[in-house]
Protein backbone atom coordinates (compact mmCIF):
# COMPACT_ATOMS: atom_id res chain seq x y z
CA MET A 1 0.26 -0.08 -0.12
CA THR A 2 1.49 3.22 -0.91
CA MET A 3 1.16 6.16 1.33
CA PRO A 4 0.74 9.92 0.41
CA ARG A 5 4.03 11.64 1.29
CA LEU A 6 4.24 14.40 3.52
CA THR A 7 6.99 17.24 3.78
CA THR A 8 7.89 18.76 6.87
CA ALA A 9 7.63 22.73 7.38
CA ARG A 10 8.87 24.59 10.37
CA CYS A 11 6.11 26.91 12.15
CA GLY A 12 7.66 28.53 15.62
CA GLN A 13 8.52 25.74 17.81
CA HIS A 14 6.55 22.42 16.56
CA ALA A 15 7.24 20.66 13.12
CA CYS A 16 4.00 21.05 10.52
CA LEU A 17 3.50 18.45 8.06
CA ARG A 18 2.17 19.37 4.96
CA HIS A 19 0.82 17.55 1.79
CA PRO A 20 3.09 18.49 -1.41
CA ALA A 21 0.38 19.83 -3.10
CA GLY A 22 0.46 22.68 -0.65
CA GLY A 23 -2.15 21.46 1.33
CA ARG A 24 -2.79 22.70 4.97
CA PRO A 25 -0.56 21.45 7.86
CA LEU A 26 -1.23 18.21 9.63
CA SER A 27 0.75 19.05 13.34
CA SER A 28 2.46 16.31 15.08
CA HIS A 29 1.82 17.58 18.52
CA TRP A 30 -1.60 17.52 20.48
CA PRO A 31 -2.84 19.92 21.05
CA GLY A 32 -1.47 22.15 18.37
CA ARG A 33 -1.59 26.03 17.35
CA CYS A 34 0.90 26.46 14.28
CA ALA A 35 2.77 30.01 15.19
CA ARG A 36 3.23 30.56 11.34
CA ALA A 37 -0.43 30.30 10.84
CA GLY A 38 -1.51 32.52 13.93
CA GLY A 39 -4.95 31.04 13.96
CA PRO A 40 -7.49 28.38 15.43
CA SER A 41 -5.64 24.63 15.49
CA HIS A 42 -5.37 23.58 12.03
CA ASP A 43 -3.78 20.34 12.33
CA ALA A 44 -5.90 16.80 11.88
CA ALA A 45 -5.57 15.51 15.53
CA THR A 46 -7.01 18.84 16.98
CA ALA A 47 -10.13 18.60 14.45
CA THR A 48 -10.39 14.68 15.28
CA ALA A 49 -10.91 15.53 19.14
CA ARG A 50 -13.41 18.56 18.66
CA TRP A 51 -15.06 16.22 16.29
CA LEU A 52 -15.01 13.30 18.93
CA ARG A 53 -15.96 15.18 21.74
CA GLN A 54 -19.22 16.40 20.27
CA VAL A 55 -19.90 13.07 19.23
CA LEU A 56 -19.40 11.59 22.68
CA ALA A 57 -21.43 14.03 24.37
CA ALA A 58 -24.38 12.78 22.08
CA ALA A 59 -23.43 9.74 23.26
CA VAL A 60 -23.50 9.84 26.70
CA VAL A 61 -27.11 12.20 26.84
CA GLY A 62 -28.27 9.30 24.62
CA THR A 63 -28.49 6.35 22.10
CA VAL A 64 -27.99 6.91 18.63
CA ALA A 65 -29.59 10.10 17.39
CA LEU A 66 -31.41 9.41 14.12
CA GLY A 67 -31.03 12.69 12.30
CA PRO A 68 -32.51 15.82 12.63
CA VAL A 69 -36.33 16.46 12.42
CA SER A 70 -37.88 17.10 9.24
CA ALA A 71 -40.46 16.71 7.03
CA GLN A 72 -40.25 13.22 6.45
CA ASP A 73 -41.42 12.51 10.23
CA ALA A 74 -44.77 12.64 8.96
CA ALA A 75 -43.92 9.70 6.36
CA LEU A 76 -45.36 6.05 7.27
CA GLY A 77 -42.56 4.31 9.02
CA ALA A 78 -41.06 7.53 10.83
CA SER A 79 -43.13 6.62 13.68
CA LEU A 80 -44.77 3.34 15.67
CA GLN A 81 -48.24 4.82 16.29
CA GLY A 82 -48.44 5.69 12.15
CA LEU A 83 -47.77 2.02 11.51
CA LEU A 84 -50.54 0.77 13.81
CA ASP A 85 -53.05 3.06 12.52
CA TYR A 86 -52.18 2.07 9.04
CA ALA A 87 -52.45 -1.29 9.84
CA ARG A 88 -55.91 -1.29 11.78
CA ALA A 89 -57.31 0.20 8.75
CA GLN A 90 -55.87 -1.35 5.69
CA SER A 91 -55.25 -5.10 7.40
CA PRO A 92 -57.11 -7.74 4.93
CA GLU A 93 -56.64 -10.55 8.11
CA LEU A 94 -58.14 -8.19 10.17
CA GLY A 95 -61.04 -6.95 7.96
CA ALA A 96 -61.56 -10.79 7.49
CA MET A 97 -62.22 -11.19 11.10
CA ARG A 98 -64.15 -8.38 11.72
CA GLN A 99 -66.87 -9.89 9.02
CA GLU A 100 -66.53 -13.39 10.64
CA ALA A 101 -67.35 -11.62 13.74
CA ASP A 102 -69.97 -9.66 12.11
CA ALA A 103 -71.15 -12.78 10.49
CA ALA A 104 -71.43 -14.75 14.08
CA ALA A 105 -73.28 -11.66 15.62
CA GLN A 106 -75.91 -12.44 13.00
CA ARG A 107 -76.88 -15.62 14.11
CA ILE A 108 -78.07 -14.92 17.73
CA GLY A 109 -81.44 -14.18 16.49
CA PRO A 110 -82.40 -16.63 14.35
CA ALA A 111 -80.85 -19.03 17.00
CA GLY A 112 -83.86 -18.16 19.32
CA ALA A 113 -86.21 -17.70 16.54
CA LEU A 114 -88.97 -20.34 16.20
CA PRO A 115 -88.93 -22.45 12.89
CA ASP A 116 -90.85 -21.97 9.98
CA PRO A 117 -94.29 -22.73 10.10
CA VAL A 118 -95.15 -25.68 7.46
CA LEU A 119 -98.20 -25.62 5.19
CA ARG A 120 -99.57 -29.01 3.99
CA VAL A 121 -102.21 -29.56 1.51
CA GLU A 122 -103.92 -32.89 1.13
CA LEU A 123 -106.35 -33.34 -2.08
CA MET A 124 -108.33 -36.32 -1.07
CA ASN A 125 -109.89 -38.56 -3.86
CA VAL A 126 -108.53 -36.70 -6.73
CA ASN A 127 -110.07 -39.30 -8.79
CA ASN A 128 -113.57 -38.09 -8.22
CA TYR A 129 -114.51 -41.95 -7.37
CA GLY A 130 -118.03 -42.31 -6.93
CA ASN A 131 -118.86 -38.51 -8.88
CA ASP A 132 -119.16 -38.36 -12.53
CA ALA A 133 -116.37 -36.02 -13.14
CA SER A 134 -112.58 -36.75 -14.39
CA PRO A 135 -109.75 -37.13 -12.08
CA SER A 136 -108.47 -33.56 -10.85
CA LEU A 137 -105.66 -31.79 -9.49
CA LEU A 138 -107.59 -28.56 -8.68
CA PRO A 139 -108.79 -28.31 -4.98
CA SER A 140 -112.20 -27.22 -6.05
CA LYS A 141 -112.70 -30.68 -8.42
CA VAL A 142 -111.75 -33.01 -5.90
CA GLY A 143 -113.44 -34.94 -3.52
CA GLU A 144 -112.31 -32.76 -0.45
CA THR A 145 -109.14 -30.81 0.04
CA LYS A 146 -107.58 -30.60 3.53
CA TYR A 147 -104.92 -27.52 4.45
CA THR A 148 -102.84 -28.19 7.22
CA LEU A 149 -100.68 -25.22 9.15
CA MET A 150 -98.17 -26.23 11.86
CA GLN A 151 -96.12 -24.32 14.28
CA THR A 152 -93.04 -26.49 16.15
CA PHE A 153 -92.58 -24.81 19.32
CA PRO A 154 -89.44 -25.71 21.28
CA LEU A 155 -89.82 -26.24 25.01
CA TRP A 156 -88.11 -26.24 28.33
CA GLY A 157 -86.29 -23.38 27.16
CA LYS A 158 -84.37 -24.91 24.27
CA ARG A 159 -84.50 -21.13 22.34
CA ASP A 160 -83.02 -19.14 25.14
CA LEU A 161 -79.97 -21.48 25.32
CA ARG A 162 -79.91 -21.88 21.63
CA ARG A 163 -79.36 -17.90 21.49
CA ASP A 164 -77.25 -17.96 24.64
CA ALA A 165 -74.63 -20.62 22.69
CA ALA A 166 -74.91 -18.32 19.90
CA ALA A 167 -73.86 -15.49 21.75
CA ALA A 168 -71.03 -17.09 22.99
CA ASP A 169 -69.85 -18.10 19.34
CA ALA A 170 -70.23 -14.06 18.75
CA ARG A 171 -68.20 -13.13 21.30
CA GLN A 172 -65.66 -15.78 20.78
CA ALA A 173 -65.14 -14.20 17.04
CA GLU A 174 -65.43 -11.09 18.35
CA ALA A 175 -62.16 -12.03 20.71
CA ARG A 176 -60.28 -13.80 17.98
CA THR A 177 -60.77 -10.34 15.85
CA GLU A 178 -59.14 -8.69 18.90
CA ALA A 179 -56.49 -11.46 19.03
CA THR A 180 -55.57 -11.07 15.60
CA TRP A 181 -54.98 -7.47 16.10
CA ALA A 182 -52.91 -8.04 18.96
CA GLU A 183 -50.88 -10.29 17.55
CA LEU A 184 -50.35 -8.41 14.28
CA ALA A 185 -50.01 -5.06 16.46
CA ALA A 186 -47.17 -6.97 18.63
CA ARG A 187 -45.41 -8.34 15.32
CA ILE A 188 -45.26 -4.57 13.68
CA LYS A 189 -43.32 -3.21 17.42
CA VAL A 190 -41.39 -5.89 17.23
CA VAL A 191 -40.19 -5.41 13.62
CA TYR A 192 -40.09 -1.61 14.22
CA ALA A 193 -37.90 -1.76 17.32
CA GLU A 194 -35.70 -4.07 15.01
CA TYR A 195 -35.66 -1.41 12.41
CA TYR A 196 -34.42 1.05 14.81
CA ARG A 197 -31.63 -0.91 15.86
CA ALA A 198 -30.61 -1.54 12.31
CA ALA A 199 -30.63 2.14 11.70
CA GLY A 200 -29.14 3.11 15.21
CA ASN A 201 -26.42 0.29 14.30
CA GLU A 202 -26.22 2.10 10.68
CA ARG A 203 -25.47 5.36 12.18
CA LEU A 204 -22.77 4.41 14.42
CA ALA A 205 -21.01 2.31 11.87
CA ALA A 206 -20.94 5.54 9.73
CA GLU A 207 -19.64 7.47 12.93
CA VAL A 208 -16.83 5.21 13.55
CA LEU A 209 -15.94 5.22 9.92
CA GLU A 210 -15.80 8.92 9.64
CA LEU A 211 -13.70 8.81 13.09
CA MET A 212 -11.53 6.25 11.46
CA SER A 213 -10.99 8.38 8.81
CA ARG A 214 -9.63 11.40 11.22
CA LEU A 215 -7.66 8.73 12.97
CA GLU A 216 -5.62 7.79 9.38
CA GLN A 217 -4.95 11.40 8.97
CA VAL A 218 -3.53 11.54 12.64
CA ALA A 219 -1.43 8.58 11.91
CA GLN A 220 -0.38 9.87 8.17
CA ALA A 221 1.21 12.72 9.77
CA ARG A 222 3.16 10.95 12.77
CA TYR A 223 4.23 8.61 10.29
CA ALA A 224 5.36 11.26 7.91
CA GLY A 225 7.38 12.69 10.62
CA GLY A 226 9.10 9.73 11.24
CA LEU A 227 6.57 9.06 14.72
CA VAL A 228 5.27 5.91 14.07
CA GLY A 229 5.49 3.02 11.55
CA GLN A 230 3.46 2.74 8.56
CA SER A 231 1.08 0.05 10.35
CA ASP A 232 -1.09 2.33 12.27
CA ALA A 233 -2.09 3.87 8.98
CA ILE A 234 -3.04 0.63 7.49
CA ARG A 235 -4.60 -0.90 10.46
CA ALA A 236 -7.09 2.48 10.36
CA GLN A 237 -7.58 1.92 7.10
CA LEU A 238 -8.57 -1.49 7.49
CA GLU A 239 -10.84 -0.48 10.23
CA GLN A 240 -12.69 1.52 7.72
CA THR A 241 -12.69 -1.41 5.33
CA ALA A 242 -14.65 -3.25 7.97
CA MET A 243 -17.01 -0.84 8.99
CA ARG A 244 -17.88 -0.17 5.01
CA ALA A 245 -18.70 -4.26 4.91
CA GLU A 246 -20.43 -3.68 7.90
CA LEU A 247 -22.54 -1.31 6.60
CA ILE A 248 -23.58 -2.79 3.79
CA ALA A 249 -24.71 -5.85 6.15
CA LEU A 250 -26.46 -3.19 8.15
CA ASP A 251 -27.93 -2.00 4.62
CA SER A 252 -29.12 -5.45 3.83
CA GLU A 253 -31.15 -5.82 6.99
CA LYS A 254 -32.63 -2.73 6.69
CA ARG A 255 -34.00 -3.44 3.55
CA GLN A 256 -35.24 -6.84 4.89
CA LEU A 257 -36.97 -5.35 7.86
CA LYS A 258 -38.60 -2.58 5.67
CA ALA A 259 -40.21 -5.84 3.77
CA MET A 260 -41.13 -7.54 6.73
CA LEU A 261 -42.91 -4.27 8.14
CA ASN A 262 -44.45 -3.82 4.50
CA GLY A 263 -46.02 -7.25 4.32
CA LEU A 264 -47.25 -6.61 7.84
CA LEU A 265 -48.83 -3.50 6.49
CA ALA A 266 -50.58 -5.53 3.14
CA ARG A 267 -47.84 -3.27 1.34
CA ASP A 268 -45.60 -4.06 -1.79
CA GLY A 269 -42.18 -5.40 0.10
CA THR A 270 -40.27 -2.53 -1.91
CA ALA A 271 -42.97 0.56 -1.11
CA PRO A 272 -40.93 3.30 0.75
CA LEU A 273 -40.45 3.66 4.44
CA ALA A 274 -39.02 6.54 6.33
CA GLU A 275 -36.04 6.23 8.88
CA PRO A 276 -37.72 5.51 12.15
CA ARG A 277 -37.23 8.60 14.33
CA GLU A 278 -37.77 7.48 18.15
CA LEU A 279 -38.76 4.63 20.40
CA ARG A 280 -41.55 4.74 23.03
CA GLU A 281 -41.22 5.39 26.75
CA PRO A 282 -41.66 2.31 28.48
CA PRO A 283 -43.65 2.46 31.27
CA GLY A 284 -42.68 2.55 34.97
CA LEU A 285 -43.39 -1.23 35.59
CA THR A 286 -41.37 -3.39 37.97
CA THR A 287 -41.50 -7.01 38.79
CA ALA A 288 -44.06 -6.00 41.58
CA ASP A 289 -46.70 -5.61 39.22
CA ALA A 290 -47.20 -9.00 37.95
CA ALA A 291 -50.18 -9.71 39.86
CA SER A 292 -51.97 -6.55 38.79
CA LEU A 293 -51.16 -7.40 35.03
CA ALA A 294 -52.00 -10.68 35.54
CA GLU A 295 -55.60 -9.66 36.73
CA ARG A 296 -55.66 -7.23 33.56
CA ALA A 297 -54.75 -9.97 31.26
CA ARG A 298 -57.19 -12.31 33.40
CA GLN A 299 -60.19 -9.92 31.94
CA ARG A 300 -58.79 -8.19 28.91
CA ASN A 301 -56.46 -10.76 27.02
CA PRO A 302 -58.07 -11.73 23.81
CA GLN A 303 -57.24 -15.34 23.44
CA LEU A 304 -58.42 -15.99 27.13
CA VAL A 305 -61.65 -14.12 26.59
CA ALA A 306 -62.44 -16.50 23.44
CA GLU A 307 -61.88 -19.27 25.30
CA LEU A 308 -63.88 -18.50 28.23
CA ALA A 309 -66.74 -17.77 25.31
CA ARG A 310 -65.92 -21.11 23.76
CA LEU A 311 -66.51 -22.75 27.55
CA THR A 312 -69.73 -20.89 27.85
CA ALA A 313 -70.85 -22.09 24.35
CA ALA A 314 -69.85 -25.33 25.44
CA GLN A 315 -72.13 -25.44 28.72
CA ARG A 316 -74.85 -24.12 26.70
CA ASN A 317 -74.62 -26.90 24.44
CA ARG A 318 -74.68 -29.04 27.16
CA GLU A 319 -77.41 -27.62 28.94
CA LEU A 320 -79.65 -28.10 25.53
CA THR A 321 -78.64 -31.77 24.72
CA GLN A 322 -80.02 -32.68 28.38
CA GLN A 323 -83.43 -30.52 27.66
CA ASN A 324 -83.65 -32.98 24.55
CA ARG A 325 -84.79 -35.66 26.87
CA TYR A 326 -88.05 -33.56 26.77
CA PRO A 327 -90.27 -33.73 23.77
CA ASP A 328 -91.15 -30.76 21.45
CA LEU A 329 -94.76 -29.54 20.67
CA GLN A 330 -96.13 -29.02 17.53
CA VAL A 331 -99.55 -27.13 16.94
CA GLY A 332 -101.41 -27.16 13.45
CA VAL A 333 -104.89 -26.38 12.40
CA PHE A 334 -106.60 -27.51 9.26
CA PRO A 335 -109.66 -26.51 7.83
CA SER A 336 -111.19 -29.09 4.98
CA GLN A 337 -112.73 -27.90 1.53
CA VAL A 338 -115.57 -29.60 -0.62
CA GLY A 339 -116.13 -27.60 -3.63
CA THR A 340 -115.44 -24.28 -3.02
CA ARG A 341 -116.48 -24.12 0.47
CA ILE A 342 -114.45 -24.70 3.68
CA THR A 343 -116.59 -27.28 5.43
CA THR A 344 -115.12 -28.27 8.53
CA TRP A 345 -112.04 -26.86 10.85
CA GLY A 346 -109.64 -29.46 12.81
CA LEU A 347 -106.97 -28.66 15.60
CA MET A 348 -103.69 -30.96 16.00
CA PHE A 349 -101.19 -31.59 18.50
CA GLU A 350 -97.79 -33.48 17.81
CA MET A 351 -94.65 -34.06 19.97
CA ASN A 352 -91.70 -36.44 19.22
CA ILE A 353 -91.08 -38.94 21.46
CA PRO A 354 -87.21 -39.27 22.98
CA LEU A 355 -87.11 -43.08 23.25
CA GLN A 356 -83.27 -43.16 21.50
CA GLN A 357 -81.87 -43.48 25.12
CA GLU A 358 -78.49 -44.39 23.72
CA SER A 359 -78.18 -41.82 20.89
CA ARG A 360 -79.16 -39.10 23.33
CA ARG A 361 -76.83 -40.22 26.20
CA GLY A 362 -73.74 -40.18 23.89
CA GLN A 363 -74.94 -36.87 22.82
CA GLU A 364 -74.72 -35.80 26.52
CA LEU A 365 -71.35 -37.01 27.45
CA GLU A 366 -69.85 -35.77 23.87
CA ALA A 367 -71.19 -32.29 25.49
CA GLU A 368 -69.79 -32.93 29.23
CA SER A 369 -66.03 -33.80 27.25
CA MET A 370 -66.09 -30.59 25.43
CA VAL A 371 -67.25 -28.63 28.35
CA ALA A 372 -64.12 -30.41 30.35
CA ALA A 373 -61.97 -29.70 27.40
CA ALA A 374 -63.10 -25.91 26.97
CA ARG A 375 -62.00 -25.68 31.02
CA SER A 376 -58.60 -27.15 30.83
CA ARG A 377 -58.09 -24.99 27.76
CA ALA A 378 -58.92 -21.94 29.46
CA GLU A 379 -56.85 -22.55 32.52
CA ALA A 380 -53.80 -24.06 30.83
CA LEU A 381 -53.55 -20.27 28.63
CA GLN A 382 -54.48 -18.38 31.87
CA HIS A 383 -50.94 -20.22 33.64
CA GLN A 384 -49.19 -19.59 30.50
CA LEU A 385 -49.79 -16.09 29.89
CA PHE A 386 -49.51 -15.41 33.75
CA GLY A 387 -45.77 -16.78 33.44
CA GLU A 388 -45.09 -15.15 30.41
CA VAL A 389 -46.31 -11.40 32.12
CA ALA A 390 -43.61 -12.36 35.20
CA ALA A 391 -41.01 -13.14 32.52
CA ASN A 392 -41.15 -10.40 30.25
CA LEU A 393 -41.71 -8.21 33.58
CA ALA A 394 -38.29 -9.51 34.46
CA ARG A 395 -36.53 -8.94 31.53
CA LEU A 396 -37.82 -5.70 31.16
CA ASP A 397 -36.44 -4.57 34.38
CA ALA A 398 -33.08 -6.13 33.19
CA ALA A 399 -33.42 -4.10 30.22
CA ARG A 400 -34.01 -1.15 32.08
CA ARG A 401 -31.25 -1.62 34.72
CA THR A 402 -29.13 -2.35 31.69
CA GLN A 403 -29.83 0.94 30.17
CA ALA A 404 -28.69 2.73 33.58
CA LEU A 405 -25.91 1.48 33.88
CA VAL A 406 -24.19 1.68 30.48
CA ARG A 407 -25.85 5.57 30.53
CA THR A 408 -24.22 6.32 33.90
CA GLN A 409 -21.06 4.59 33.73
CA LEU A 410 -19.99 2.32 30.85
CA LEU A 411 -20.54 5.08 28.62
CA PRO A 412 -18.46 7.92 30.54
CA GLN A 413 -15.93 5.54 31.07
CA SER A 414 -15.40 4.34 27.45
CA GLU A 415 -15.47 7.98 26.58
CA LEU A 416 -12.68 9.01 29.16
CA SER A 417 -10.78 6.03 27.94
CA LEU A 418 -10.83 7.15 24.37
CA ARG A 419 -10.11 10.63 25.12
CA SER A 420 -7.02 9.26 26.93
CA ALA A 421 -5.82 6.89 24.42
CA LEU A 422 -5.82 9.90 21.47
CA ALA A 423 -4.09 12.21 24.13
CA ALA A 424 -1.43 9.51 25.00
CA TYR A 425 -0.72 8.43 21.12
CA GLU A 426 -0.60 11.66 19.94
CA ASN A 427 2.36 12.07 22.80
CA GLY A 428 3.73 8.92 21.81
CA LYS A 429 2.85 7.07 24.91
CA ALA A 430 0.43 4.79 23.36
CA GLU A 431 0.17 2.13 20.61
CA PHE A 432 -2.35 2.58 17.93
CA ALA A 433 -3.94 -0.70 18.85
CA MET A 434 -4.75 0.98 22.00
CA LEU A 435 -6.64 3.64 20.33
CA LEU A 436 -8.33 1.32 18.26
CA GLU A 437 -9.34 -0.97 21.59
CA ALA A 438 -10.72 2.09 23.28
CA GLN A 439 -12.58 3.33 19.89
CA ARG A 440 -14.46 -0.27 19.87
CA GLN A 441 -15.11 0.18 23.47
CA ILE A 442 -17.35 2.99 23.21
CA ARG A 443 -18.67 1.74 20.13
CA THR A 444 -19.63 -1.32 22.13
CA ALA A 445 -21.09 0.38 25.07
CA ARG A 446 -23.50 2.58 22.57
CA GLN A 447 -24.62 -0.78 21.02
CA GLU A 448 -25.30 -2.18 24.45
CA LEU A 449 -27.27 0.74 25.22
CA LEU A 450 -29.20 0.58 21.97
CA LYS A 451 -29.40 -3.27 22.49
CA SER A 452 -31.35 -2.82 25.91
CA GLN A 453 -33.57 0.23 24.61
CA VAL A 454 -34.76 -1.95 21.63
CA GLU A 455 -35.20 -4.97 24.28
CA ALA A 456 -37.20 -3.08 26.44
CA GLN A 457 -39.36 -2.33 23.65
CA LEU A 458 -39.95 -6.21 22.58
CA ARG A 459 -40.55 -7.04 26.36
CA LEU A 460 -43.37 -4.02 26.30
CA ALA A 461 -44.67 -5.42 23.06
CA ASP A 462 -45.34 -8.74 24.35
CA ILE A 463 -46.91 -7.66 27.45
CA GLU A 464 -49.09 -5.28 25.98
CA ARG A 465 -50.31 -8.29 23.54
CA ILE A 466 -50.47 -10.36 26.64
CA LEU A 467 -52.65 -7.62 28.14
CA GLY A 468 -54.71 -7.01 24.85
CA GLU A 469 -54.25 -3.14 24.69
CA ASP A 470 -51.38 -0.75 25.13
CA LEU A 471 -50.03 0.41 28.27
């Protein structure tokens, strides 16, 4: 690798290094003011230190800043809430579940309604036996026509039980709709948090690339002055190449996450999305809130609500099966027509006789088993959800403590380490490897802060999915 040739000029008491083309001086001292220039510092090391202080100050205050607020904030993808609003309005899966819930609600009325009445027409003596007339199918030209109008009346509260079972099915369908939305919203929240992390890591890599470019200038200046070997500049160039490779990988990851988000939003995978701007502030939950959150999940979790509705429907169907031990009543009225006149009226009562005991017992045992299965399924889901709440609270608490540790200790310590390494290297008291290690430490600290923030968002998304509502 050919390094640029630098020339040496005397400026006051210090040796200033200049490019052959007459570029600006690159001082070999830290910090430095060139007596010949008579103005502000013009060496690469001082510029690097100034820029580094700005970056580190931003790192200690918070995590990665994703750029200034602009008009793009209003674009889809800039905020999580915008994505959720779009998904709730446009998701075809959610729309299908809403339609199914509406269809289930429409079954409640018909389930408790009376069966349709039955009209029977009987033509007696259609061959007109004993008469001089020819055979006919006209009511006025046969021996006698009987009209029977019948209506079935389910007794023993069977209509109410059918209505209750249908209402429970409707609640189950509505709860499944809410469960679909809770699952979709949780997936969007998770992918958005990962998208934010990828964007933050991309910015971190870009900042490290810029830092290594400035450090390369310092290494070149010291190499031209004979203070260090050429390996320092080569190492800086290797770090830049590694950062460029990482930027390629992060760009690919971002594009994959964009495609995933677009898929969740029912959009084309290549549709544009704005850069994520911010993460939600997690509520101040602790592991002590597990009991209260479990109670909220018991009342609000859509999956649990659906299972409880299924249990109610199974119980009503069991009661209905038991009521089938008793007969239903059918009432009918029938007038008889002779010629063109109604001559007689009749009244009829009819009921079924439930004699198939073995068949009915099998149906009752089936209904009883369905109730037991629904109850066990609801209990199992309840225990599973309560365990998930406690686990996510513990991980949320760990993420929050990690954030505090990184923000208050690890980042400031890494900042001091990097500044000290820069000063020591410029004064010839440290190797370039120490400088590289110091910048890696502060980058790792910022990545850890970003990781803990995203981890808190993932745990928050899981808790909200379990509760069926946002916190």
